[in-house]
Structure formats: C-alpha cells, structure tokens
PDB file of N, CA and C in Angstrom:
ATOM      1  N   MET A   1     -23.278  44.881 -12.995  1.00  0.00           N
ATOM      2  CA  MET A   1     -22.416  43.938 -13.675  1.00  0.00           C
ATOM      3  C   MET A   1     -21.067  43.844 -12.977  1.00  0.00           C
ATOM      4  N   THR A   2     -20.569  44.963 -12.486  1.00  0.00           N
ATOM      5  CA  THR A   2     -19.275  44.974 -11.803  1.00  0.00           C
ATOM      6  C   THR A   2     -19.346  44.186 -10.499  1.00  0.00           C
ATOM      7  N   SER A   3     -20.455  44.299  -9.778  1.00  0.00           N
ATOM      8  CA  SER A   3     -20.577  43.554  -8.527  1.00  0.00           C
ATOM      9  C   SER A   3     -20.659  42.043  -8.794  1.00  0.00           C
ATOM     10  N   LEU A   4     -21.266  41.639  -9.889  1.00  0.00           N
ATOM     11  CA  LEU A   4     -21.321  40.231 -10.253  1.00  0.00           C
ATOM     12  C   LEU A   4     -19.918  39.694 -10.548  1.00  0.00           C
ATOM     13  N   ILE A   5     -19.120  40.440 -11.239  1.00  0.00           N
ATOM     14  CA  ILE A   5     -17.742  40.036 -11.530  1.00  0.00           C
ATOM     15  C   ILE A   5     -16.935  39.947 -10.242  1.00  0.00           C
ATOM     16  N   ALA A   6     -17.164  40.872  -9.316  1.00  0.00           N
ATOM     17  CA  ALA A   6     -16.456  40.847  -8.040  1.00  0.00           C
ATOM     18  C   ALA A   6     -16.840  39.618  -7.226  1.00  0.00           C
ATOM     19  N   VAL A   7     -18.110  39.272  -7.194  1.00  0.00           N
ATOM     20  CA  VAL A   7     -18.566  38.097  -6.455  1.00  0.00           C
ATOM     21  C   VAL A   7     -17.994  36.821  -7.072  1.00  0.00           C
ATOM     22  N   ILE A   8     -18.010  36.730  -8.384  1.00  0.00           N
ATOM     23  CA  ILE A   8     -17.467  35.545  -9.059  1.00  0.00           C
ATOM     24  C   ILE A   8     -15.969  35.423  -8.805  1.00  0.00           C
ATOM     25  N   SER A   9     -15.257  36.511  -8.843  1.00  0.00           N
ATOM     26  CA  SER A   9     -13.813  36.448  -8.585  1.00  0.00           C
ATOM     27  C   SER A   9     -13.526  36.069  -7.139  1.00  0.00           C
ATOM     28  N   LEU A  10     -14.341  36.560  -6.184  1.00  0.00           N
ATOM     29  CA  LEU A  10     -14.158  36.163  -4.791  1.00  0.00           C
ATOM     30  C   LEU A  10     -14.448  34.682  -4.594  1.00  0.00           C
ATOM     31  N   LEU A  11     -15.498  34.170  -5.229  1.00  0.00           N
ATOM     32  CA  LEU A  11     -15.796  32.739  -5.145  1.00  0.00           C
ATOM     33  C   LEU A  11     -14.684  31.903  -5.771  1.00  0.00           C
ATOM     34  N   LEU A  12     -14.185  32.345  -6.900  1.00  0.00           N
ATOM     35  CA  LEU A  12     -13.094  31.629  -7.553  1.00  0.00           C
ATOM     36  C   LEU A  12     -11.852  31.615  -6.665  1.00  0.00           C
ATOM     37  N   LEU A  13     -11.535  32.742  -6.070  1.00  0.00           N
ATOM     38  CA  LEU A  13     -10.395  32.826  -5.166  1.00  0.00           C
ATOM     39  C   LEU A  13     -10.599  31.934  -3.945  1.00  0.00           C
ATOM     40  N   PHE A  14     -11.792  31.925  -3.391  1.00  0.00           N
ATOM     41  CA  PHE A  14     -12.091  31.090  -2.231  1.00  0.00           C
ATOM     42  C   PHE A  14     -11.899  29.608  -2.548  1.00  0.00           C
ATOM     43  N   PHE A  15     -12.469  29.147  -3.673  1.00  0.00           N
ATOM     44  CA  PHE A  15     -12.356  27.735  -4.018  1.00  0.00           C
ATOM     45  C   PHE A  15     -10.936  27.339  -4.409  1.00  0.00           C
ATOM     46  N   MET A  16     -10.191  28.249  -4.984  1.00  0.00           N
ATOM     47  CA  MET A  16      -8.792  27.944  -5.318  1.00  0.00           C
ATOM     48  C   MET A  16      -7.939  27.807  -4.062  1.00  0.00           C
ATOM     49  N   LEU A  17      -8.216  28.622  -3.046  1.00  0.00           N
ATOM     50  CA  LEU A  17      -7.406  28.585  -1.835  1.00  0.00           C
ATOM     51  C   LEU A  17      -7.805  27.454  -0.885  1.00  0.00           C
ATOM     52  N   THR A  18      -9.046  27.001  -0.946  1.00  0.00           N
ATOM     53  CA  THR A  18      -9.476  25.962  -0.008  1.00  0.00           C
ATOM     54  C   THR A  18      -9.341  24.548  -0.565  1.00  0.00           C
ATOM     55  N   SER A  19      -9.135  24.404  -1.850  1.00  0.00           N
ATOM     56  CA  SER A  19      -9.001  23.054  -2.407  1.00  0.00           C
ATOM     57  C   SER A  19      -7.574  22.547  -2.217  1.00  0.00           C
ATOM     58  N   THR A  20      -7.456  21.234  -2.086  1.00  0.00           N
ATOM     59  CA  THR A  20      -6.140  20.619  -1.946  1.00  0.00           C
ATOM     60  C   THR A  20      -5.951  19.611  -3.072  1.00  0.00           C
ATOM     61  N   PHE A  21      -4.724  19.455  -3.478  1.00  0.00           N
ATOM     62  CA  PHE A  21      -4.395  18.525  -4.542  1.00  0.00           C
ATOM     63  C   PHE A  21      -3.328  17.539  -4.084  1.00  0.00           C
ATOM     64  N   THR A  22      -3.303  17.274  -2.791  1.00  0.00           N
ATOM     65  CA  THR A  22      -2.319  16.324  -2.275  1.00  0.00           C
ATOM     66  C   THR A  22      -2.893  14.921  -2.341  1.00  0.00           C
ATOM     67  N   ARG A  23      -2.017  13.961  -2.346  1.00  0.00           N
ATOM     68  CA  ARG A  23      -2.422  12.565  -2.345  1.00  0.00           C
ATOM     69  C   ARG A  23      -2.441  12.072  -0.916  1.00  0.00           C
ATOM     70  N   PHE A  24      -3.592  11.611  -0.468  1.00  0.00           N
ATOM     71  CA  PHE A  24      -3.706  11.134   0.899  1.00  0.00           C
ATOM     72  C   PHE A  24      -3.064   9.763   1.046  1.00  0.00           C
ATOM     73  N   SER A  25      -3.255   8.923   0.077  1.00  0.00           N
ATOM     74  CA  SER A  25      -2.696   7.584   0.123  1.00  0.00           C
ATOM     75  C   SER A  25      -2.416   7.148  -1.305  1.00  0.00           C
ATOM     76  N   GLU A  26      -1.366   6.406  -1.467  1.00  0.00           N
ATOM     77  CA  GLU A  26      -0.981   5.972  -2.793  1.00  0.00           C
ATOM     78  C   GLU A  26      -0.771   4.473  -2.779  1.00  0.00           C
ATOM     79  N   ILE A  27      -1.331   3.800  -3.752  1.00  0.00           N
ATOM     80  CA  ILE A  27      -1.197   2.349  -3.856  1.00  0.00           C
ATOM     81  C   ILE A  27      -0.434   2.044  -5.132  1.00  0.00           C
ATOM     82  N   GLN A  28       0.585   1.231  -4.998  1.00  0.00           N
ATOM     83  CA  GLN A  28       1.414   0.856  -6.132  1.00  0.00           C
ATOM     84  C   GLN A  28       0.743  -0.285  -6.894  1.00  0.00           C
ATOM     85  N   LEU A  29       0.455  -0.097  -8.173  1.00  0.00           N
ATOM     86  CA  LEU A  29      -0.123  -1.130  -9.019  1.00  0.00           C
ATOM     87  C   LEU A  29       0.814  -1.372 -10.185  1.00  0.00           C
ATOM     88  N   SER A  30       0.941  -2.618 -10.590  1.00  0.00           N
ATOM     89  CA  SER A  30       1.754  -2.927 -11.754  1.00  0.00           C
ATOM     90  C   SER A  30       1.009  -3.935 -12.616  1.00  0.00           C
ATOM     91  N   ALA A  31       1.223  -3.844 -13.901  1.00  0.00           N
ATOM     92  CA  ALA A  31       0.578  -4.760 -14.834  1.00  0.00           C
ATOM     93  C   ALA A  31       1.357  -6.066 -14.881  1.00  0.00           C
ATOM     94  N   ALA A  32       0.650  -7.131 -15.155  1.00  0.00           N
ATOM     95  CA  ALA A  32       1.299  -8.439 -15.241  1.00  0.00           C
ATOM     96  C   ALA A  32       2.115  -8.529 -16.519  1.00  0.00           C
ATOM     97  N   GLY A  33       3.244  -9.176 -16.430  1.00  0.00           N
ATOM     98  CA  GLY A  33       4.094  -9.372 -17.589  1.00  0.00           C
ATOM     99  C   GLY A  33       3.765 -10.684 -18.281  1.00  0.00           C
ATOM    100  N   GLY A  34       4.158 -10.800 -19.523  1.00  0.00           N
ATOM    101  CA  GLY A  34       3.909 -12.023 -20.268  1.00  0.00           C
ATOM    102  C   GLY A  34       5.025 -13.020 -20.067  1.00  0.00           C
ATOM    103  N   GLY A  35       4.799 -14.222 -20.551  1.00  0.00           N
ATOM    104  CA  GLY A  35       5.835 -15.241 -20.460  1.00  0.00           C
ATOM    105  C   GLY A  35       5.458 -16.331 -19.493  1.00  0.00           C
ATOM    106  N   ALA A  36       6.307 -17.336 -19.444  1.00  0.00           N
ATOM    107  CA  ALA A  36       6.056 -18.470 -18.570  1.00  0.00           C
ATOM    108  C   ALA A  36       6.439 -18.138 -17.140  1.00  0.00           C
ATOM    109  N   ALA A  37       5.681 -18.660 -16.217  1.00  0.00           N
ATOM    110  CA  ALA A  37       5.945 -18.418 -14.809  1.00  0.00           C
ATOM    111  C   ALA A  37       6.974 -19.415 -14.307  1.00  0.00           C
ATOM    112  N   ALA A  38       7.829 -18.946 -13.424  1.00  0.00           N
ATOM    113  CA  ALA A  38       8.818 -19.825 -12.814  1.00  0.00           C
ATOM    114  C   ALA A  38       8.127 -20.665 -11.747  1.00  0.00           C
ATOM    115  N   PRO A  39       8.581 -21.883 -11.531  1.00  0.00           N
ATOM    116  CA  PRO A  39       7.950 -22.703 -10.490  1.00  0.00           C
ATOM    117  C   PRO A  39       8.174 -22.103  -9.109  1.00  0.00           C
ATOM    118  N   ALA A  40       7.116 -22.063  -8.337  1.00  0.00           N
ATOM    119  CA  ALA A  40       7.182 -21.468  -7.005  1.00  0.00           C
ATOM    120  C   ALA A  40       7.732 -22.482  -6.002  1.00  0.00           C
ATOM    121  N   GLU A  41       8.531 -21.995  -5.060  1.00  0.00           N
ATOM    122  CA  GLU A  41       9.057 -22.876  -4.019  1.00  0.00           C
ATOM    123  C   GLU A  41       7.994 -23.173  -2.976  1.00  0.00           C
ATOM    124  N   THR A  42       7.084 -22.237  -2.769  1.00  0.00           N
ATOM    125  CA  THR A  42       6.006 -22.427  -1.798  1.00  0.00           C
ATOM    126  C   THR A  42       4.668 -22.362  -2.534  1.00  0.00           C
ATOM    127  N   SER A  43       3.668 -22.969  -1.947  1.00  0.00           N
ATOM    128  CA  SER A  43       2.352 -22.935  -2.571  1.00  0.00           C
ATOM    129  C   SER A  43       1.736 -21.547  -2.370  1.00  0.00           C
ATOM    130  N   PRO A  44       0.960 -21.083  -3.344  1.00  0.00           N
ATOM    131  CA  PRO A  44       0.369 -19.753  -3.220  1.00  0.00           C
ATOM    132  C   PRO A  44      -0.751 -19.733  -2.181  1.00  0.00           C
ATOM    133  N   LEU A  45      -0.979 -18.559  -1.629  1.00  0.00           N
ATOM    134  CA  LEU A  45      -2.110 -18.348  -0.728  1.00  0.00           C
ATOM    135  C   LEU A  45      -3.347 -18.099  -1.576  1.00  0.00           C
ATOM    136  N   PHE A  46      -4.489 -18.581  -1.114  1.00  0.00           N
ATOM    137  CA  PHE A  46      -5.732 -18.372  -1.842  1.00  0.00           C
ATOM    138  C   PHE A  46      -6.693 -17.595  -0.953  1.00  0.00           C
ATOM    139  N   LEU A  47      -7.053 -16.404  -1.395  1.00  0.00           N
ATOM    140  CA  LEU A  47      -7.924 -15.520  -0.627  1.00  0.00           C
ATOM    141  C   LEU A  47      -9.262 -15.411  -1.332  1.00  0.00           C
ATOM    142  N   GLN A  48     -10.318 -15.864  -0.670  1.00  0.00           N
ATOM    143  CA  GLN A  48     -11.671 -15.683  -1.186  1.00  0.00           C
ATOM    144  C   GLN A  48     -12.207 -14.401  -0.575  1.00  0.00           C
ATOM    145  N   PHE A  49     -12.620 -13.489  -1.433  1.00  0.00           N
ATOM    146  CA  PHE A  49     -12.882 -12.115  -1.027  1.00  0.00           C
ATOM    147  C   PHE A  49     -14.285 -11.713  -1.448  1.00  0.00           C
ATOM    148  N   GLY A  50     -15.157 -11.458  -0.470  1.00  0.00           N
ATOM    149  CA  GLY A  50     -16.525 -11.031  -0.740  1.00  0.00           C
ATOM    150  C   GLY A  50     -16.786  -9.664  -0.145  1.00  0.00           C
ATOM    151  N   ALA A  51     -17.987  -9.153  -0.347  1.00  0.00           N
ATOM    152  CA  ALA A  51     -18.342  -7.831   0.168  1.00  0.00           C
ATOM    153  C   ALA A  51     -18.341  -7.809   1.693  1.00  0.00           C
ATOM    154  N   GLU A  52     -18.717  -8.914   2.310  1.00  0.00           N
ATOM    155  CA  GLU A  52     -18.767  -8.981   3.767  1.00  0.00           C
ATOM    156  C   GLU A  52     -17.917 -10.124   4.330  1.00  0.00           C
ATOM    157  N   SER A  53     -17.308 -10.926   3.464  1.00  0.00           N
ATOM    158  CA  SER A  53     -16.565 -12.100   3.934  1.00  0.00           C
ATOM    159  C   SER A  53     -15.137 -12.081   3.418  1.00  0.00           C
ATOM    160  N   LEU A  54     -14.279 -12.809   4.133  1.00  0.00           N
ATOM    161  CA  LEU A  54     -12.870 -12.904   3.769  1.00  0.00           C
ATOM    162  C   LEU A  54     -12.346 -14.220   4.330  1.00  0.00           C
ATOM    163  N   SER A  55     -11.757 -15.059   3.488  1.00  0.00           N
ATOM    164  CA  SER A  55     -11.185 -16.304   3.990  1.00  0.00           C
ATOM    165  C   SER A  55      -9.853 -16.563   3.290  1.00  0.00           C
ATOM    166  N   LEU A  56      -8.872 -16.939   4.080  1.00  0.00           N
ATOM    167  CA  LEU A  56      -7.532 -17.229   3.595  1.00  0.00           C
ATOM    168  C   LEU A  56      -7.294 -18.724   3.720  1.00  0.00           C
ATOM    169  N   ASN A  57      -7.148 -19.402   2.575  1.00  0.00           N
ATOM    170  CA  ASN A  57      -6.968 -20.856   2.523  1.00  0.00           C
ATOM    171  C   ASN A  57      -8.057 -21.582   3.317  1.00  0.00           C
ATOM    172  N   GLY A  58      -9.298 -21.091   3.243  1.00  0.00           N
ATOM    173  CA  GLY A  58     -10.424 -21.733   3.911  1.00  0.00           C
ATOM    174  C   GLY A  58     -10.678 -21.266   5.328  1.00  0.00           C
ATOM    175  N   THR A  59      -9.787 -20.459   5.906  1.00  0.00           N
ATOM    176  CA  THR A  59      -9.963 -19.953   7.264  1.00  0.00           C
ATOM    177  C   THR A  59     -10.647 -18.591   7.206  1.00  0.00           C
ATOM    178  N   VAL A  60     -11.806 -18.465   7.817  1.00  0.00           N
ATOM    179  CA  VAL A  60     -12.556 -17.209   7.819  1.00  0.00           C
ATOM    180  C   VAL A  60     -11.853 -16.202   8.726  1.00  0.00           C
ATOM    181  N   LEU A  61     -11.616 -14.995   8.195  1.00  0.00           N
ATOM    182  CA  LEU A  61     -10.901 -13.939   8.911  1.00  0.00           C
ATOM    183  C   LEU A  61     -11.628 -12.611   8.762  1.00  0.00           C
ATOM    184  N   THR A  62     -11.167 -11.644   9.542  1.00  0.00           N
ATOM    185  CA  THR A  62     -11.570 -10.260   9.332  1.00  0.00           C
ATOM    186  C   THR A  62     -10.432  -9.555   8.604  1.00  0.00           C
ATOM    187  N   MET A  63     -10.704  -8.380   8.082  1.00  0.00           N
ATOM    188  CA  MET A  63      -9.683  -7.630   7.352  1.00  0.00           C
ATOM    189  C   MET A  63      -8.521  -7.259   8.264  1.00  0.00           C
ATOM    190  N   SER A  64      -8.813  -6.925   9.509  1.00  0.00           N
ATOM    191  CA  SER A  64      -7.750  -6.524  10.432  1.00  0.00           C
ATOM    192  C   SER A  64      -6.899  -7.699  10.899  1.00  0.00           C
ATOM    193  N   ALA A  65      -7.442  -8.921  10.853  1.00  0.00           N
ATOM    194  CA  ALA A  65      -6.691 -10.105  11.281  1.00  0.00           C
ATOM    195  C   ALA A  65      -5.861 -10.717  10.159  1.00  0.00           C
ATOM    196  N   LEU A  66      -6.043 -10.255   8.936  1.00  0.00           N
ATOM    197  CA  LEU A  66      -5.340 -10.833   7.795  1.00  0.00           C
ATOM    198  C   LEU A  66      -3.818 -10.695   7.873  1.00  0.00           C
ATOM    199  N   PRO A  67      -3.244  -9.530   8.174  1.00  0.00           N
ATOM    200  CA  PRO A  67      -1.777  -9.441   8.249  1.00  0.00           C
ATOM    201  C   PRO A  67      -1.171 -10.347   9.318  1.00  0.00           C
ATOM    202  N   ALA A  68      -1.820 -10.456  10.467  1.00  0.00           N
ATOM    203  CA  ALA A  68      -1.300 -11.319  11.530  1.00  0.00           C
ATOM    204  C   ALA A  68      -1.334 -12.782  11.106  1.00  0.00           C
ATOM    205  N   GLU A  69      -2.374 -13.177  10.395  1.00  0.00           N
ATOM    206  CA  GLU A  69      -2.487 -14.564   9.924  1.00  0.00           C
ATOM    207  C   GLU A  69      -1.404 -14.876   8.889  1.00  0.00           C
ATOM    208  N   ILE A  70      -1.146 -13.937   7.998  1.00  0.00           N
ATOM    209  CA  ILE A  70      -0.092 -14.154   6.997  1.00  0.00           C
ATOM    210  C   ILE A  70       1.268 -14.251   7.674  1.00  0.00           C
ATOM    211  N   THR A  71       1.525 -13.380   8.629  1.00  0.00           N
ATOM    212  CA  THR A  71       2.807 -13.392   9.331  1.00  0.00           C
ATOM    213  C   THR A  71       2.975 -14.653  10.158  1.00  0.00           C
ATOM    214  N   ALA A  72       1.936 -15.091  10.839  1.00  0.00           N
ATOM    215  CA  ALA A  72       2.039 -16.243  11.734  1.00  0.00           C
ATOM    216  C   ALA A  72       2.054 -17.570  10.981  1.00  0.00           C
ATOM    217  N   GLN A  73       1.178 -17.738  10.025  1.00  0.00           N
ATOM    218  CA  GLN A  73       1.015 -19.043   9.384  1.00  0.00           C
ATOM    219  C   GLN A  73       1.785 -19.204   8.072  1.00  0.00           C
ATOM    220  N   HIS A  74       1.977 -18.119   7.346  1.00  0.00           N
ATOM    221  CA  HIS A  74       2.579 -18.208   6.014  1.00  0.00           C
ATOM    222  C   HIS A  74       3.645 -17.120   5.819  1.00  0.00           C
ATOM    223  N   PRO A  75       4.697 -17.070   6.629  1.00  0.00           N
ATOM    224  CA  PRO A  75       5.673 -15.985   6.499  1.00  0.00           C
ATOM    225  C   PRO A  75       6.502 -16.061   5.223  1.00  0.00           C
ATOM    226  N   GLU A  76       6.622 -17.245   4.618  1.00  0.00           N
ATOM    227  CA  GLU A  76       7.450 -17.396   3.426  1.00  0.00           C
ATOM    228  C   GLU A  76       6.658 -17.252   2.130  1.00  0.00           C
ATOM    229  N   ALA A  77       5.374 -16.978   2.219  1.00  0.00           N
ATOM    230  CA  ALA A  77       4.519 -16.898   1.029  1.00  0.00           C
ATOM    231  C   ALA A  77       4.909 -15.696   0.172  1.00  0.00           C
ATOM    232  N   THR A  78       4.946 -15.922  -1.142  1.00  0.00           N
ATOM    233  CA  THR A  78       5.289 -14.844  -2.064  1.00  0.00           C
ATOM    234  C   THR A  78       4.195 -14.573  -3.087  1.00  0.00           C
ATOM    235  N   VAL A  79       3.219 -15.474  -3.199  1.00  0.00           N
ATOM    236  CA  VAL A  79       2.144 -15.327  -4.185  1.00  0.00           C
ATOM    237  C   VAL A  79       0.798 -15.468  -3.489  1.00  0.00           C
ATOM    238  N   MET A  80      -0.116 -14.542  -3.790  1.00  0.00           N
ATOM    239  CA  MET A  80      -1.472 -14.628  -3.266  1.00  0.00           C
ATOM    240  C   MET A  80      -2.447 -14.494  -4.426  1.00  0.00           C
ATOM    241  N   LEU A  81      -3.352 -15.450  -4.536  1.00  0.00           N
ATOM    242  CA  LEU A  81      -4.410 -15.414  -5.533  1.00  0.00           C
ATOM    243  C   LEU A  81      -5.692 -14.940  -4.854  1.00  0.00           C
ATOM    244  N   VAL A  82      -6.315 -13.911  -5.407  1.00  0.00           N
ATOM    245  CA  VAL A  82      -7.520 -13.330  -4.818  1.00  0.00           C
ATOM    246  C   VAL A  82      -8.689 -13.606  -5.747  1.00  0.00           C
ATOM    247  N   SER A  83      -9.684 -14.312  -5.217  1.00  0.00           N
ATOM    248  CA  SER A  83     -10.915 -14.576  -5.956  1.00  0.00           C
ATOM    249  C   SER A  83     -11.998 -13.677  -5.367  1.00  0.00           C
ATOM    250  N   ALA A  84     -12.375 -12.655  -6.120  1.00  0.00           N
ATOM    251  CA  ALA A  84     -13.361 -11.685  -5.645  1.00  0.00           C
ATOM    252  C   ALA A  84     -14.727 -12.016  -6.216  1.00  0.00           C
ATOM    253  N   THR A  85     -15.748 -11.897  -5.383  1.00  0.00           N
ATOM    254  CA  THR A  85     -17.113 -12.106  -5.851  1.00  0.00           C
ATOM    255  C   THR A  85     -17.610 -10.861  -6.586  1.00  0.00           C
ATOM    256  N   ASP A  86     -18.758 -10.982  -7.224  1.00  0.00           N
ATOM    257  CA  ASP A  86     -19.289  -9.871  -8.023  1.00  0.00           C
ATOM    258  C   ASP A  86     -19.736  -8.683  -7.181  1.00  0.00           C
ATOM    259  N   ASP A  87     -20.032  -8.893  -5.902  1.00  0.00           N
ATOM    260  CA  ASP A  87     -20.536  -7.803  -5.072  1.00  0.00           C
ATOM    261  C   ASP A  87     -19.439  -7.011  -4.365  1.00  0.00           C
ATOM    262  N   VAL A  88     -18.174  -7.289  -4.655  1.00  0.00           N
ATOM    263  CA  VAL A  88     -17.066  -6.550  -4.036  1.00  0.00           C
ATOM    264  C   VAL A  88     -16.952  -5.178  -4.698  1.00  0.00           C
ATOM    265  N   THR A  89     -16.915  -4.140  -3.874  1.00  0.00           N
ATOM    266  CA  THR A  89     -16.766  -2.782  -4.392  1.00  0.00           C
ATOM    267  C   THR A  89     -15.291  -2.460  -4.592  1.00  0.00           C
ATOM    268  N   SER A  90     -15.026  -1.451  -5.368  1.00  0.00           N
ATOM    269  CA  SER A  90     -13.636  -1.048  -5.595  1.00  0.00           C
ATOM    270  C   SER A  90     -13.012  -0.506  -4.311  1.00  0.00           C
ATOM    271  N   GLN A  91     -13.791   0.117  -3.444  1.00  0.00           N
ATOM    272  CA  GLN A  91     -13.260   0.620  -2.182  1.00  0.00           C
ATOM    273  C   GLN A  91     -12.808  -0.529  -1.287  1.00  0.00           C
ATOM    274  N   ARG A  92     -13.556  -1.616  -1.285  1.00  0.00           N
ATOM    275  CA  ARG A  92     -13.163  -2.783  -0.484  1.00  0.00           C
ATOM    276  C   ARG A  92     -11.887  -3.412  -1.031  1.00  0.00           C
ATOM    277  N   LEU A  93     -11.721  -3.414  -2.340  1.00  0.00           N
ATOM    278  CA  LEU A  93     -10.491  -3.923  -2.936  1.00  0.00           C
ATOM    279  C   LEU A  93      -9.309  -3.027  -2.588  1.00  0.00           C
ATOM    280  N   VAL A  94      -9.519  -1.733  -2.581  1.00  0.00           N
ATOM    281  CA  VAL A  94      -8.457  -0.799  -2.180  1.00  0.00           C
ATOM    282  C   VAL A  94      -8.114  -0.998  -0.706  1.00  0.00           C
ATOM    283  N   ASP A  95      -9.116  -1.244   0.137  1.00  0.00           N
ATOM    284  CA  ASP A  95      -8.853  -1.527   1.548  1.00  0.00           C
ATOM    285  C   ASP A  95      -7.995  -2.776   1.703  1.00  0.00           C
ATOM    286  N   LEU A  96      -8.246  -3.783   0.869  1.00  0.00           N
ATOM    287  CA  LEU A  96      -7.424  -4.995   0.903  1.00  0.00           C
ATOM    288  C   LEU A  96      -5.991  -4.687   0.489  1.00  0.00           C
ATOM    289  N   LEU A  97      -5.816  -3.885  -0.554  1.00  0.00           N
ATOM    290  CA  LEU A  97      -4.473  -3.537  -1.005  1.00  0.00           C
ATOM    291  C   LEU A  97      -3.716  -2.738   0.048  1.00  0.00           C
ATOM    292  N   VAL A  98      -4.408  -1.864   0.750  1.00  0.00           N
ATOM    293  CA  VAL A  98      -3.776  -1.097   1.830  1.00  0.00           C
ATOM    294  C   VAL A  98      -3.399  -2.027   2.983  1.00  0.00           C
ATOM    295  N   THR A  99      -4.247  -3.003   3.277  1.00  0.00           N
ATOM    296  CA  THR A  99      -3.958  -3.960   4.342  1.00  0.00           C
ATOM    297  C   THR A  99      -2.742  -4.815   4.005  1.00  0.00           C
ATOM    298  N   LEU A 100      -2.569  -5.146   2.730  1.00  0.00           N
ATOM    299  CA  LEU A 100      -1.444  -5.980   2.311  1.00  0.00           C
ATOM    300  C   LEU A 100      -0.197  -5.186   1.945  1.00  0.00           C
ATOM    301  N   ALA A 101      -0.238  -3.869   2.074  1.00  0.00           N
ATOM    302  CA  ALA A 101       0.923  -3.031   1.739  1.00  0.00           C
ATOM    303  C   ALA A 101       2.167  -3.337   2.570  1.00  0.00           C
ATOM    304  N   PRO A 102       2.072  -3.751   3.845  1.00  0.00           N
ATOM    305  CA  PRO A 102       3.292  -4.066   4.598  1.00  0.00           C
ATOM    306  C   PRO A 102       4.032  -5.308   4.111  1.00  0.00           C
ATOM    307  N   PHE A 103       3.505  -6.014   3.128  1.00  0.00           N
ATOM    308  CA  PHE A 103       4.148  -7.213   2.582  1.00  0.00           C
ATOM    309  C   PHE A 103       4.622  -6.929   1.157  1.00  0.00           C
ATOM    310  N   PRO A 104       5.761  -6.255   0.977  1.00  0.00           N
ATOM    311  CA  PRO A 104       6.197  -5.888  -0.378  1.00  0.00           C
ATOM    312  C   PRO A 104       6.604  -7.094  -1.226  1.00  0.00           C
ATOM    313  N   ALA A 105       6.982  -8.211  -0.610  1.00  0.00           N
ATOM    314  CA  ALA A 105       7.393  -9.388  -1.375  1.00  0.00           C
ATOM    315  C   ALA A 105       6.209 -10.220  -1.833  1.00  0.00           C
ATOM    316  N   LEU A 106       5.015  -9.889  -1.382  1.00  0.00           N
ATOM    317  CA  LEU A 106       3.818 -10.653  -1.715  1.00  0.00           C
ATOM    318  C   LEU A 106       3.281 -10.189  -3.064  1.00  0.00           C
ATOM    319  N   SER A 107       3.263 -11.096  -4.023  1.00  0.00           N
ATOM    320  CA  SER A 107       2.734 -10.812  -5.352  1.00  0.00           C
ATOM    321  C   SER A 107       1.247 -11.131  -5.362  1.00  0.00           C
ATOM    322  N   LEU A 108       0.437 -10.146  -5.683  1.00  0.00           N
ATOM    323  CA  LEU A 108      -1.015 -10.279  -5.604  1.00  0.00           C
ATOM    324  C   LEU A 108      -1.603 -10.404  -7.010  1.00  0.00           C
ATOM    325  N   THR A 109      -2.412 -11.437  -7.230  1.00  0.00           N
ATOM    326  CA  THR A 109      -3.080 -11.641  -8.515  1.00  0.00           C
ATOM    327  C   THR A 109      -4.573 -11.743  -8.261  1.00  0.00           C
ATOM    328  N   VAL A 110      -5.352 -10.844  -8.886  1.00  0.00           N
ATOM    329  CA  VAL A 110      -6.806 -10.855  -8.742  1.00  0.00           C
ATOM    330  C   VAL A 110      -7.375 -11.664  -9.893  1.00  0.00           C
ATOM    331  N   LEU A 111      -8.098 -12.730  -9.571  1.00  0.00           N
ATOM    332  CA  LEU A 111      -8.680 -13.611 -10.577  1.00  0.00           C
ATOM    333  C   LEU A 111     -10.026 -13.074 -11.038  1.00  0.00           C
ATOM    334  N   ASP A 112     -10.388 -13.388 -12.275  1.00  0.00           N
ATOM    335  CA  ASP A 112     -11.695 -12.982 -12.813  1.00  0.00           C
ATOM    336  C   ASP A 112     -12.787 -13.880 -12.334  1.00  0.00           C
TER     337      ASP A 112
END
C-alpha cells in the first residue's frame, strides 16, 4: 500500500511540474451594444467565409492574402460583415480573427 501511495504521489508531482497554464494566444472579443448605429462614412466590407473558401467583396482570396488586400484596396474601412457558412469550424474562425488582429480599428460582425 505504501508503494502505491509513493507511485501516485510521484505521478501527481510529475504532471504538476510538466503542465503549463500560460496563454499561447489571446483574442479580444466584445459583445455588441444596443442602440441605433451611426451612419458609416465608408461602405462596409463583406467577407464570405467558408471552410475552404474566402472572398472579400466578391474577390476570391486566401487567408494569408486577406490583410494585404484590406491594406491595399480598403485602408479606410472600419466595418466588416462576415457571412460564415455552416461548415466553418471554430478553429477557422479563430484563424480569421488572428489574421485580422493587426487592424484594431476594424469592427467585425459575424452574421447568422
């Protein structure tokens, strides 16, 4: 019985010392507020987002080309509407949020 307790305590110590509780990446999310929306000075960007496809205002892109397209074609854009298909995974949505993280002024709205 004593050897069993020793083995369990060694395993517990091993798992406590090898586990990490750090955050590898953090994504800022905020809930939408109520009330009337102010009129936008620029038209919003429309992103159609699928499991394998991505198009910005009708232009087919890859995930890595999206920031360059926003910077080159729509630098003044402040609102992006994202229409996601049913086959989009949560990991793919997180990848999109990480890709759009360098644009802090861009307000992202995911449509149902």
